[in-house]
């Protein structure tokens, strides 16, 4: 499903685009079950895959009801025979190609799991700080809801058109509980936030300069999503041949 010209224009104007019901329930159920099996120990982690526990669990502030209740995310999905299929979903790939060109690579992949009864919030930030390749216009993030995501359970919040401001200064927020690798933009106007509530299969495409984050889960249920970043083949990096890094995979 290639994007329409109107959708492409909306993405470039706002810095993000929401696509309802892009991924079907069968694919989502398969991905979700694989995630659960890995977290529960029924299936092993593959390659560089790692299970990241929430900082409140690591510090002993919260005792998780189950192993799943302690997991913040599962990352490096590239070597898993089931989870790695998400990055090559035809519907998703077609949309990404509409924005950054035909020849694309996946850069990073994660299942984000936001359990109830932990803080779990993610400060407002730009993803570009995690990538060295340029131009930034040839990188795109995809974020697909596996379970319903609402403002109450910590859906994504974005600041429309913030991708036009360039790379902004990030720091470490003065929070009691901050998960590893989380940074925050300084002096951001939170009144401009738009909360993006999503149903399973809904997919958000967004620019690597878009300011975004998520709040804490205030419910008794999980918020879960799967995410992949892509880059066009013609991107260049001052750090050398990015296409041969361990977690990078050629998609098309």
Protein backbone atom coordinates (compact mmCIF):
# COMPACT_ATOMS: atom_id res chain seq x y z
CA UNK A 1 0.00 0.00 0.00
CA UNK A 2 1.89 3.02 -1.29
CA UNK A 3 1.10 6.33 0.34
CA UNK A 4 -0.95 8.89 -1.54
CA UNK A 5 0.51 12.27 -2.43
CA UNK A 6 -1.75 13.82 0.21
CA UNK A 7 -0.38 11.47 2.87
CA UNK A 8 3.20 12.18 1.83
CA UNK A 9 2.55 15.92 2.02
CA UNK A 10 0.98 15.49 5.46
CA UNK A 11 4.03 13.56 6.69
CA UNK A 12 6.41 16.27 5.49
CA UNK A 13 4.22 19.03 6.93
CA UNK A 14 3.54 17.53 10.37
CA UNK A 15 6.52 15.22 10.77
CA UNK A 16 4.29 12.18 11.32
CA UNK A 17 1.48 10.21 9.72
CA UNK A 18 -0.99 7.84 11.37
CA UNK A 19 -2.13 4.87 9.28
CA UNK A 20 -5.12 3.02 10.78
CA UNK A 21 -5.23 -0.80 10.64
CA UNK A 22 -2.09 -1.14 8.52
CA UNK A 23 -1.03 -4.49 10.02
CA UNK A 24 -3.61 -7.29 10.23
CA UNK A 25 -4.64 -9.11 13.39
CA UNK A 26 -3.09 -12.43 12.37
CA UNK A 27 0.37 -10.90 11.98
CA UNK A 28 0.01 -8.98 15.25
CA UNK A 29 -1.07 -12.08 17.17
CA UNK A 30 1.90 -14.02 15.85
CA UNK A 31 4.34 -11.26 16.84
CA UNK A 32 2.73 -10.78 20.23
CA UNK A 33 2.82 -14.49 21.05
CA UNK A 34 6.49 -14.71 20.10
CA UNK A 35 7.28 -11.76 22.38
CA UNK A 36 5.41 -13.44 25.25
CA UNK A 37 7.17 -16.77 24.65
CA UNK A 38 10.59 -15.11 24.77
CA UNK A 39 9.83 -13.14 27.92
CA UNK A 40 8.41 -16.24 29.63
CA UNK A 41 11.44 -18.31 28.63
CA UNK A 42 9.58 -20.69 26.35
CA UNK A 43 11.72 -19.45 23.45
CA UNK A 44 15.34 -18.24 23.66
CA UNK A 45 16.66 -14.81 22.76
CA UNK A 46 18.30 -14.89 19.33
CA UNK A 47 21.58 -13.26 18.35
CA UNK A 48 22.07 -9.88 20.03
CA UNK A 49 18.49 -9.76 21.32
CA UNK A 50 18.14 -8.52 24.88
CA UNK A 51 15.29 -8.22 27.38
CA UNK A 52 15.38 -4.88 29.18
CA UNK A 53 13.70 -4.66 32.58
CA UNK A 54 12.11 -1.46 33.80
CA UNK A 55 14.33 0.68 36.03
CA UNK A 56 11.84 0.52 38.92
CA UNK A 57 12.11 -3.27 38.88
CA UNK A 58 15.90 -3.22 38.58
CA UNK A 59 16.16 -0.90 41.59
CA UNK A 60 13.79 -3.04 43.63
CA UNK A 61 11.14 -0.35 43.97
CA UNK A 62 8.51 -2.57 42.34
CA UNK A 63 8.18 -6.33 42.65
CA UNK A 64 6.69 -7.53 39.33
CA UNK A 65 3.73 -9.90 39.48
CA UNK A 66 5.19 -11.91 36.59
CA UNK A 67 8.35 -11.66 34.45
CA UNK A 68 6.24 -9.84 31.86
CA UNK A 69 5.35 -7.14 34.40
CA UNK A 70 9.01 -6.28 34.77
CA UNK A 71 9.91 -5.92 31.08
CA UNK A 72 10.36 -2.50 29.49
CA UNK A 73 11.35 -3.67 26.04
CA UNK A 74 12.80 -6.42 23.88
CA UNK A 75 15.36 -5.12 21.41
CA UNK A 76 17.53 -6.33 18.52
CA UNK A 77 14.84 -8.47 16.88
CA UNK A 78 16.78 -9.01 13.66
CA UNK A 79 17.87 -12.61 14.27
CA UNK A 80 14.54 -13.93 15.51
CA UNK A 81 12.74 -15.99 12.88
CA UNK A 82 9.32 -14.59 13.81
CA UNK A 83 9.86 -11.06 15.09
CA UNK A 84 12.18 -10.18 12.22
CA UNK A 85 9.30 -10.66 9.76
CA UNK A 86 7.71 -7.44 10.92
CA UNK A 87 10.34 -5.22 9.25
CA UNK A 88 9.54 -6.87 5.89
CA UNK A 89 5.73 -6.66 6.12
CA UNK A 90 4.73 -5.66 2.56
CA UNK A 91 2.22 -3.03 3.69
CA UNK A 92 4.78 -1.38 5.93
CA UNK A 93 7.63 -1.56 3.44
CA UNK A 94 5.52 0.04 0.72
CA UNK A 95 4.69 3.00 2.96
CA UNK A 96 8.33 3.46 3.95
CA UNK A 97 9.42 3.34 0.32
CA UNK A 98 6.94 6.10 -0.48
CA UNK A 99 8.88 8.36 1.89
CA UNK A 100 12.57 7.45 1.53
CA UNK A 101 12.94 5.52 -1.73
CA UNK A 102 12.93 1.98 -3.04
CA UNK A 103 16.15 0.55 -1.59
CA UNK A 104 15.88 0.47 2.21
CA UNK A 105 17.57 -1.01 5.27
CA UNK A 106 16.23 -1.60 8.75
CA UNK A 107 18.37 -0.01 11.49
CA UNK A 108 16.87 -0.91 14.85
CA UNK A 109 13.89 -2.91 16.05
CA UNK A 110 12.11 -3.13 19.40
CA UNK A 111 9.02 -4.40 21.12
CA UNK A 112 8.06 -1.71 23.64
CA UNK A 113 6.20 -3.10 26.63
CA UNK A 114 4.75 -0.66 29.17
CA UNK A 115 3.50 -2.64 32.17
CA UNK A 116 1.00 -1.38 34.71
CA UNK A 117 2.23 -0.21 38.12
CA UNK A 118 5.63 1.07 36.95
CA UNK A 119 6.55 4.62 35.96
CA UNK A 120 7.70 3.76 32.44
CA UNK A 121 7.43 7.24 30.97
CA UNK A 122 9.78 8.29 28.16
CA UNK A 123 10.87 11.94 28.03
CA UNK A 124 10.33 14.05 24.93
CA UNK A 125 13.24 13.45 22.56
CA UNK A 126 14.35 13.08 18.94
CA UNK A 127 15.42 9.69 17.59
CA UNK A 128 18.07 11.24 15.35
CA UNK A 129 20.52 11.30 18.26
CA UNK A 130 20.78 7.50 17.98
CA UNK A 131 21.81 7.52 14.30
CA UNK A 132 24.91 8.85 12.55
CA UNK A 133 23.78 8.48 8.95
CA UNK A 134 22.53 11.42 6.91
CA UNK A 135 20.49 12.98 5.43
CA UNK A 136 17.88 12.76 8.16
CA UNK A 137 15.13 13.03 5.55
CA UNK A 138 16.14 9.53 4.40
CA UNK A 139 15.41 7.95 7.79
CA UNK A 140 11.93 7.11 9.03
CA UNK A 141 10.57 5.55 12.22
CA UNK A 142 7.62 3.16 12.30
CA UNK A 143 5.66 2.34 15.47
CA UNK A 144 2.79 -0.17 15.37
CA UNK A 145 0.39 -0.78 18.24
CA UNK A 146 0.12 -4.44 19.27
CA UNK A 147 -2.35 -3.63 22.05
CA UNK A 148 -4.58 -0.54 22.39
CA UNK A 149 -2.58 2.56 23.29
CA UNK A 150 -4.38 5.37 25.08
CA UNK A 151 -3.47 8.46 26.99
CA UNK A 152 -4.22 6.56 30.21
CA UNK A 153 -1.77 3.75 29.44
CA UNK A 154 1.00 5.93 28.03
CA UNK A 155 0.45 6.40 24.31
CA UNK A 156 2.93 8.31 22.21
CA UNK A 157 2.80 12.09 22.34
CA UNK A 158 4.22 14.13 19.46
CA UNK A 159 4.81 17.82 18.77
CA UNK A 160 3.58 18.54 15.24
CA UNK A 161 6.06 20.26 12.90
CA UNK A 162 8.85 20.03 15.48
CA UNK A 163 11.00 18.18 12.92
CA UNK A 164 11.54 21.53 11.18
CA UNK A 165 13.63 22.89 14.08
CA UNK A 166 16.69 20.72 13.41
CA UNK A 167 18.69 18.74 15.95
CA UNK A 168 17.98 20.01 19.47
CA UNK A 169 19.98 19.81 22.70
CA UNK A 170 19.25 16.79 24.85
CA UNK A 171 20.08 16.21 28.49
CA UNK A 172 19.31 13.80 31.29
CA UNK A 173 16.05 14.62 33.07
CA UNK A 174 16.09 14.90 36.83
CA UNK A 175 13.71 12.00 37.41
CA UNK A 176 13.76 9.46 40.22
CA UNK A 177 13.40 6.62 37.75
CA UNK A 178 14.84 6.87 34.24
CA UNK A 179 15.30 3.87 31.99
CA UNK A 180 18.68 3.29 30.36
CA UNK A 181 19.34 5.27 27.18
CA UNK A 182 16.53 7.79 27.76
CA UNK A 183 17.32 11.46 27.16
CA UNK A 184 15.18 14.59 27.13
CA UNK A 185 15.05 17.74 25.05
CA UNK A 186 15.64 20.85 27.09
CA UNK A 187 13.13 23.73 27.14
CA UNK A 188 10.34 22.06 25.17
CA UNK A 189 6.81 23.49 25.13
CA UNK A 190 4.71 20.57 26.36
CA UNK A 191 1.48 22.47 25.65
CA UNK A 192 2.02 21.71 21.96
CA UNK A 193 1.84 17.95 22.50
CA UNK A 194 -0.66 15.83 20.59
CA UNK A 195 -1.44 12.44 22.13
CA UNK A 196 -1.70 9.72 19.50
CA UNK A 197 -4.13 7.06 20.67
CA UNK A 198 -4.01 3.88 18.58
CA UNK A 199 -5.74 0.56 18.11
CA UNK A 200 -3.90 -2.72 17.34
CA UNK A 201 -2.49 -2.60 13.83
CA UNK A 202 -2.48 1.20 13.64
CA UNK A 203 0.94 2.45 12.58
CA UNK A 204 2.64 5.79 13.11
CA UNK A 205 5.33 6.89 10.67
CA UNK A 206 7.48 9.73 11.93
CA UNK A 207 10.54 11.80 11.08
CA UNK A 208 13.73 11.22 13.14
CA UNK A 209 13.71 14.91 14.14
CA UNK A 210 10.12 14.81 15.42
CA UNK A 211 9.88 15.50 19.16
CA UNK A 212 8.01 12.65 20.82
CA UNK A 213 7.74 10.70 24.04
CA UNK A 214 5.21 8.87 26.19
CA UNK A 215 3.67 9.07 29.64
CA UNK A 216 3.31 6.53 32.43
CA UNK A 217 0.82 3.68 32.35
CA UNK A 218 -1.99 4.56 34.77
CA UNK A 219 -4.11 1.49 33.99
CA UNK A 220 -4.13 -2.18 35.00
CA UNK A 221 -3.33 -3.41 31.48
CA UNK A 222 -0.25 -3.43 29.26
CA UNK A 223 0.63 -1.02 26.49
CA UNK A 224 2.65 -2.77 23.80
CA UNK A 225 4.00 -1.82 20.36
CA UNK A 226 6.62 -2.94 17.84
CA UNK A 227 8.92 -0.46 16.16
CA UNK A 228 11.48 -0.41 13.34
CA UNK A 229 13.62 2.42 11.98
CA UNK A 230 14.57 2.42 8.31
CA UNK A 231 17.15 4.27 6.23
CA UNK A 232 17.60 4.69 2.50
CA UNK A 233 20.54 2.94 0.87
CA UNK A 234 22.08 6.24 -0.24
CA UNK A 235 22.54 7.52 3.34
CA UNK A 236 26.12 8.15 4.40
CA UNK A 237 27.73 8.08 7.82
CA UNK A 238 30.97 9.68 9.08
CA UNK A 239 31.49 6.46 11.04
CA UNK A 240 31.91 4.43 7.87
CA UNK A 241 29.95 1.59 6.32
CA UNK A 242 26.72 1.66 8.34
CA UNK A 243 25.06 -0.96 6.13
CA UNK A 244 27.28 -3.72 7.52
CA UNK A 245 26.66 -3.02 11.19
CA UNK A 246 25.45 -6.09 13.10
CA UNK A 247 21.82 -5.04 13.54
CA UNK A 248 21.31 -3.49 10.09
CA UNK A 249 19.43 -5.56 7.54
CA UNK A 250 18.73 -4.98 3.85
CA UNK A 251 14.97 -5.10 3.30
CA UNK A 252 14.76 -4.34 -0.42
